[in-house]
N, C-alpha and C. Protein backbone atom coordinates (compact mmCIF):
# COMPACT_ATOMS: atom_id res chain seq x y z
N MET A 1 0.85 -1.19 0.00
CA MET A 1 0.00 0.00 0.00
C MET A 1 0.88 1.24 0.00
N ASP A 2 0.55 2.17 -0.87
CA ASP A 2 1.27 3.43 -0.94
C ASP A 2 0.52 4.45 -0.08
N TRP A 3 1.10 4.77 1.07
CA TRP A 3 0.46 5.69 2.01
C TRP A 3 0.84 7.13 1.68
N THR A 4 0.17 7.69 0.70
CA THR A 4 0.41 9.09 0.33
C THR A 4 -0.23 9.98 1.40
N THR A 5 0.14 11.23 1.38
CA THR A 5 -0.42 12.20 2.33
C THR A 5 -1.94 12.24 2.23
N GLU A 6 -2.43 12.23 1.01
CA GLU A 6 -3.88 12.28 0.79
C GLU A 6 -4.58 11.05 1.38
N VAL A 7 -4.00 9.87 1.17
CA VAL A 7 -4.59 8.63 1.70
C VAL A 7 -4.58 8.64 3.22
N VAL A 8 -3.47 9.08 3.82
CA VAL A 8 -3.36 9.12 5.28
C VAL A 8 -4.39 10.08 5.87
N LEU A 9 -4.51 11.27 5.32
CA LEU A 9 -5.46 12.24 5.83
C LEU A 9 -6.90 11.74 5.69
N ASN A 10 -7.20 11.09 4.58
CA ASN A 10 -8.53 10.51 4.38
C ASN A 10 -8.79 9.41 5.42
N PHE A 11 -7.78 8.59 5.67
CA PHE A 11 -7.89 7.52 6.67
C PHE A 11 -8.18 8.11 8.05
N ILE A 12 -7.46 9.16 8.43
CA ILE A 12 -7.67 9.79 9.73
C ILE A 12 -9.10 10.34 9.83
N LYS A 13 -9.60 10.92 8.77
CA LYS A 13 -10.97 11.45 8.78
C LYS A 13 -12.00 10.32 8.94
N LYS A 14 -11.74 9.19 8.29
CA LYS A 14 -12.64 8.03 8.44
C LYS A 14 -12.59 7.52 9.88
N TYR A 15 -11.39 7.49 10.44
CA TYR A 15 -11.18 7.04 11.82
C TYR A 15 -11.94 7.96 12.79
N GLU A 16 -11.90 9.24 12.54
CA GLU A 16 -12.60 10.21 13.39
C GLU A 16 -14.10 9.95 13.40
N GLN A 17 -14.65 9.48 12.30
CA GLN A 17 -16.09 9.23 12.19
C GLN A 17 -16.55 8.05 13.04
N HIS A 18 -15.60 7.33 13.63
CA HIS A 18 -15.93 6.16 14.46
C HIS A 18 -15.36 6.35 15.87
N PRO A 19 -16.00 7.18 16.69
CA PRO A 19 -15.47 7.45 18.03
C PRO A 19 -15.37 6.21 18.91
N ILE A 20 -16.06 5.16 18.55
CA ILE A 20 -15.95 3.92 19.31
C ILE A 20 -14.50 3.41 19.32
N LEU A 21 -13.71 3.81 18.32
CA LEU A 21 -12.32 3.36 18.23
C LEU A 21 -11.37 4.20 19.07
N TRP A 22 -11.72 5.43 19.36
CA TRP A 22 -10.78 6.32 20.03
C TRP A 22 -11.29 7.03 21.28
N ASP A 23 -12.59 7.08 21.48
CA ASP A 23 -13.16 7.80 22.62
C ASP A 23 -13.53 6.83 23.74
N ASN A 24 -12.72 6.82 24.79
CA ASN A 24 -12.97 5.86 25.87
C ASN A 24 -14.23 6.17 26.68
N ARG A 25 -14.90 7.27 26.39
CA ARG A 25 -16.17 7.58 27.04
C ARG A 25 -17.36 7.10 26.20
N HIS A 26 -17.09 6.60 25.01
CA HIS A 26 -18.16 6.09 24.15
C HIS A 26 -18.80 4.88 24.82
N ARG A 27 -20.09 4.78 24.76
CA ARG A 27 -20.78 3.72 25.50
C ARG A 27 -20.43 2.32 25.02
N PHE A 28 -19.98 2.16 23.77
CA PHE A 28 -19.61 0.84 23.26
C PHE A 28 -18.10 0.67 23.13
N TYR A 29 -17.33 1.55 23.74
CA TYR A 29 -15.87 1.53 23.59
C TYR A 29 -15.25 0.17 23.94
N LYS A 30 -15.78 -0.50 24.93
CA LYS A 30 -15.20 -1.76 25.38
C LYS A 30 -15.79 -2.99 24.70
N ILE A 31 -16.67 -2.79 23.75
CA ILE A 31 -17.31 -3.92 23.06
C ILE A 31 -16.52 -4.20 21.78
N THR A 32 -15.75 -5.27 21.82
CA THR A 32 -14.85 -5.62 20.74
C THR A 32 -15.57 -5.82 19.41
N SER A 33 -16.71 -6.47 19.44
CA SER A 33 -17.43 -6.74 18.18
C SER A 33 -17.84 -5.45 17.48
N LYS A 34 -18.22 -4.44 18.25
CA LYS A 34 -18.60 -3.16 17.66
C LYS A 34 -17.39 -2.45 17.06
N LYS A 35 -16.23 -2.58 17.73
CA LYS A 35 -15.00 -2.00 17.20
C LYS A 35 -14.62 -2.69 15.90
N CYS A 36 -14.78 -3.99 15.85
CA CYS A 36 -14.49 -4.75 14.62
C CYS A 36 -15.38 -4.27 13.48
N ASP A 37 -16.63 -4.01 13.79
CA ASP A 37 -17.56 -3.49 12.77
C ASP A 37 -17.07 -2.15 12.22
N ALA A 38 -16.59 -1.29 13.12
CA ALA A 38 -16.09 0.02 12.69
C ALA A 38 -14.87 -0.14 11.79
N TRP A 39 -13.95 -1.02 12.18
CA TRP A 39 -12.76 -1.26 11.35
C TRP A 39 -13.14 -1.84 9.99
N GLU A 40 -14.12 -2.72 9.98
CA GLU A 40 -14.58 -3.30 8.71
C GLU A 40 -15.17 -2.23 7.80
N THR A 41 -15.90 -1.30 8.37
CA THR A 41 -16.47 -0.21 7.60
C THR A 41 -15.37 0.64 6.97
N ILE A 42 -14.38 1.00 7.77
CA ILE A 42 -13.26 1.81 7.26
C ILE A 42 -12.52 1.04 6.18
N SER A 43 -12.29 -0.24 6.41
CA SER A 43 -11.59 -1.09 5.45
C SER A 43 -12.34 -1.14 4.11
N ALA A 44 -13.65 -1.29 4.17
CA ALA A 44 -14.45 -1.35 2.95
C ALA A 44 -14.42 -0.02 2.21
N GLU A 45 -14.48 1.08 2.95
CA GLU A 45 -14.49 2.40 2.33
C GLU A 45 -13.16 2.73 1.65
N LEU A 46 -12.06 2.30 2.27
CA LEU A 46 -10.74 2.62 1.72
C LEU A 46 -10.15 1.51 0.85
N GLY A 47 -10.72 0.32 0.95
CA GLY A 47 -10.19 -0.80 0.18
C GLY A 47 -8.83 -1.27 0.66
N ILE A 48 -8.61 -1.17 1.97
CA ILE A 48 -7.34 -1.57 2.58
C ILE A 48 -7.63 -2.59 3.68
N ASP A 49 -6.77 -3.58 3.81
CA ASP A 49 -6.91 -4.64 4.80
C ASP A 49 -6.93 -4.08 6.22
N ILE A 50 -7.74 -4.65 7.08
CA ILE A 50 -7.89 -4.19 8.46
C ILE A 50 -6.56 -4.25 9.21
N VAL A 51 -5.81 -5.31 9.03
CA VAL A 51 -4.52 -5.45 9.73
C VAL A 51 -3.59 -4.30 9.37
N GLU A 52 -3.55 -3.97 8.10
CA GLU A 52 -2.71 -2.86 7.64
C GLU A 52 -3.20 -1.52 8.19
N LEU A 53 -4.53 -1.34 8.25
CA LEU A 53 -5.09 -0.11 8.79
C LEU A 53 -4.74 0.06 10.27
N LYS A 54 -4.87 -1.01 11.03
CA LYS A 54 -4.57 -0.94 12.46
C LYS A 54 -3.09 -0.66 12.69
N LYS A 55 -2.24 -1.29 11.89
CA LYS A 55 -0.80 -1.07 12.03
C LYS A 55 -0.45 0.39 11.72
N LYS A 56 -1.03 0.92 10.66
CA LYS A 56 -0.77 2.30 10.27
C LYS A 56 -1.29 3.27 11.33
N MET A 57 -2.47 2.99 11.88
CA MET A 57 -3.02 3.88 12.90
C MET A 57 -2.16 3.85 14.16
N THR A 58 -1.63 2.71 14.51
CA THR A 58 -0.73 2.62 15.67
C THR A 58 0.48 3.54 15.47
N ILE A 59 1.05 3.51 14.29
CA ILE A 59 2.20 4.36 13.97
C ILE A 59 1.81 5.84 13.99
N LEU A 60 0.68 6.15 13.38
CA LEU A 60 0.21 7.55 13.34
C LEU A 60 -0.07 8.09 14.75
N LEU A 61 -0.71 7.28 15.59
CA LEU A 61 -1.02 7.73 16.94
C LEU A 61 0.24 7.91 17.77
N ALA A 62 1.22 7.05 17.58
CA ALA A 62 2.49 7.20 18.30
C ALA A 62 3.17 8.51 17.90
N THR A 63 3.16 8.80 16.63
CA THR A 63 3.75 10.05 16.14
C THR A 63 2.96 11.24 16.67
N TYR A 64 1.65 11.15 16.63
CA TYR A 64 0.81 12.23 17.13
C TYR A 64 1.12 12.52 18.60
N ARG A 65 1.20 11.47 19.42
CA ARG A 65 1.48 11.68 20.84
C ARG A 65 2.84 12.32 21.07
N LYS A 66 3.83 11.91 20.29
CA LYS A 66 5.17 12.48 20.42
C LYS A 66 5.17 13.96 20.04
N VAL A 67 4.52 14.30 18.94
CA VAL A 67 4.45 15.69 18.49
C VAL A 67 3.66 16.52 19.51
N ARG A 68 2.58 15.97 20.00
CA ARG A 68 1.76 16.69 20.98
C ARG A 68 2.55 16.93 22.27
N GLN A 69 3.32 15.96 22.69
CA GLN A 69 4.15 16.09 23.90
C GLN A 69 5.18 17.22 23.71
N ARG A 70 5.83 17.22 22.56
CA ARG A 70 6.82 18.28 22.27
C ARG A 70 6.17 19.65 22.24
N TYR A 71 5.01 19.71 21.61
CA TYR A 71 4.27 20.97 21.50
C TYR A 71 3.90 21.49 22.89
N ALA A 72 3.43 20.61 23.75
CA ALA A 72 3.06 20.99 25.12
C ALA A 72 4.29 21.49 25.88
N ALA A 73 5.43 20.85 25.67
CA ALA A 73 6.66 21.27 26.35
C ALA A 73 7.09 22.65 25.90
N VAL A 74 6.97 22.93 24.61
CA VAL A 74 7.33 24.25 24.08
C VAL A 74 6.41 25.31 24.66
N LEU A 75 5.12 25.00 24.73
CA LEU A 75 4.16 25.96 25.30
C LEU A 75 4.43 26.19 26.78
N LYS A 76 4.81 25.12 27.48
CA LYS A 76 5.08 25.23 28.90
C LYS A 76 6.30 26.11 29.16
N ARG A 77 7.31 25.97 28.32
CA ARG A 77 8.52 26.79 28.45
C ARG A 77 8.24 28.24 28.10
N GLY A 78 7.14 28.48 27.46
CA GLY A 78 6.79 29.83 27.07
C GLY A 78 7.50 30.25 25.80
N ASN A 79 8.00 29.27 25.07
CA ASN A 79 8.68 29.52 23.80
C ASN A 79 9.80 30.55 23.94
N LYS A 80 10.57 30.42 25.02
CA LYS A 80 11.69 31.33 25.29
C LYS A 80 12.85 31.15 24.32
N THR A 81 12.90 30.00 23.70
CA THR A 81 14.01 29.71 22.80
C THR A 81 13.82 30.34 21.43
N GLY A 82 12.67 30.88 21.16
CA GLY A 82 12.41 31.52 19.88
C GLY A 82 12.01 30.55 18.78
N GLU A 83 11.86 29.26 19.13
CA GLU A 83 11.47 28.28 18.11
C GLU A 83 9.99 28.42 17.78
N ASP A 84 9.64 27.99 16.60
CA ASP A 84 8.25 28.03 16.17
C ASP A 84 7.46 27.03 17.02
N ALA A 85 6.42 27.48 17.67
CA ALA A 85 5.67 26.63 18.59
C ALA A 85 4.70 25.71 17.89
N SER A 86 4.25 26.05 16.71
CA SER A 86 3.23 25.22 16.07
C SER A 86 3.85 23.96 15.47
N PRO A 87 3.20 22.82 15.69
CA PRO A 87 3.69 21.56 15.14
C PRO A 87 3.70 21.58 13.61
N ILE A 88 4.72 21.00 13.02
CA ILE A 88 4.82 21.01 11.56
C ILE A 88 4.45 19.67 10.93
N TRP A 89 4.16 18.66 11.74
CA TRP A 89 3.79 17.35 11.21
C TRP A 89 2.49 17.49 10.42
N PHE A 90 2.47 16.97 9.22
CA PHE A 90 1.34 17.18 8.29
C PHE A 90 -0.01 16.72 8.82
N ALA A 91 -0.04 15.73 9.70
CA ALA A 91 -1.32 15.17 10.15
C ALA A 91 -1.77 15.71 11.50
N TYR A 92 -0.98 16.57 12.11
CA TYR A 92 -1.31 17.04 13.47
C TYR A 92 -2.69 17.69 13.54
N LYS A 93 -2.99 18.60 12.66
CA LYS A 93 -4.27 19.30 12.72
C LYS A 93 -5.45 18.38 12.41
N THR A 94 -5.21 17.36 11.62
CA THR A 94 -6.28 16.42 11.29
C THR A 94 -6.69 15.60 12.51
N PHE A 95 -5.75 15.43 13.45
CA PHE A 95 -6.03 14.70 14.69
C PHE A 95 -6.63 15.61 15.76
N HIS A 96 -7.21 16.75 15.38
CA HIS A 96 -7.78 17.69 16.35
C HIS A 96 -8.77 17.03 17.29
N PHE A 97 -9.47 16.01 16.82
CA PHE A 97 -10.48 15.35 17.64
C PHE A 97 -9.87 14.60 18.82
N LEU A 98 -8.57 14.36 18.79
CA LEU A 98 -7.90 13.66 19.89
C LEU A 98 -7.30 14.61 20.92
N HIS A 99 -7.31 15.89 20.66
CA HIS A 99 -6.67 16.83 21.57
C HIS A 99 -7.23 16.72 22.99
N ARG A 100 -8.48 16.42 23.10
CA ARG A 100 -9.12 16.28 24.41
C ARG A 100 -8.82 14.90 25.01
N THR A 101 -8.74 13.89 24.17
CA THR A 101 -8.53 12.53 24.63
C THR A 101 -7.10 12.28 25.08
N TYR A 102 -6.14 12.74 24.29
CA TYR A 102 -4.72 12.52 24.61
C TYR A 102 -4.13 13.78 25.20
N GLN A 103 -4.04 13.81 26.51
CA GLN A 103 -3.41 14.93 27.20
C GLN A 103 -1.97 14.56 27.53
N PRO A 104 -1.02 15.37 27.10
CA PRO A 104 0.38 15.08 27.41
C PRO A 104 0.62 15.03 28.90
N LYS A 105 1.40 14.05 29.32
CA LYS A 105 1.74 13.93 30.73
C LYS A 105 2.90 14.86 31.02
N SER A 106 2.87 15.44 32.19
CA SER A 106 3.97 16.32 32.55
C SER A 106 5.20 15.47 32.85
N THR A 107 6.34 15.97 32.44
CA THR A 107 7.57 15.24 32.68
C THR A 107 8.23 15.81 33.93
N MET A 108 8.95 14.97 34.58
CA MET A 108 9.64 15.40 35.80
C MET A 108 11.14 15.41 35.51
N ALA A 109 11.78 16.48 35.89
CA ALA A 109 13.22 16.57 35.71
C ALA A 109 13.89 15.75 36.81
N VAL A 110 14.85 14.96 36.43
CA VAL A 110 15.58 14.14 37.38
C VAL A 110 16.98 14.71 37.53
N GLU A 111 17.35 14.98 38.77
CA GLU A 111 18.68 15.52 39.01
C GLU A 111 19.68 14.40 39.08
N VAL A 112 20.77 14.56 38.36
CA VAL A 112 21.83 13.55 38.36
C VAL A 112 22.99 14.09 39.19
N SER A 113 23.39 13.32 40.17
CA SER A 113 24.49 13.78 41.04
C SER A 113 25.81 13.22 40.58
């Protein structure tokens, strides 16, 4: 499968339409059969195997969390370094629906003696 930018963004939009897959407050979030139905729907719409879709989403979500964590750290520092605070990853804005679900954890500085 050739994961072009257009295909990835379309996939994320399809994923957003199925909150059962990403919203842990959804009433059917823990019902595996309903999640399977959602994945099957996305698979049929995109013509891509479910296993490949799940693997790609795992990678995308890991990248999203890393970018979100960095972005939160820059905002926390108050952007004193002069770096551009806005994330440049192409899919970050498309994952807007996860901003509430995935909150970056605060990191603790460890002193090394």
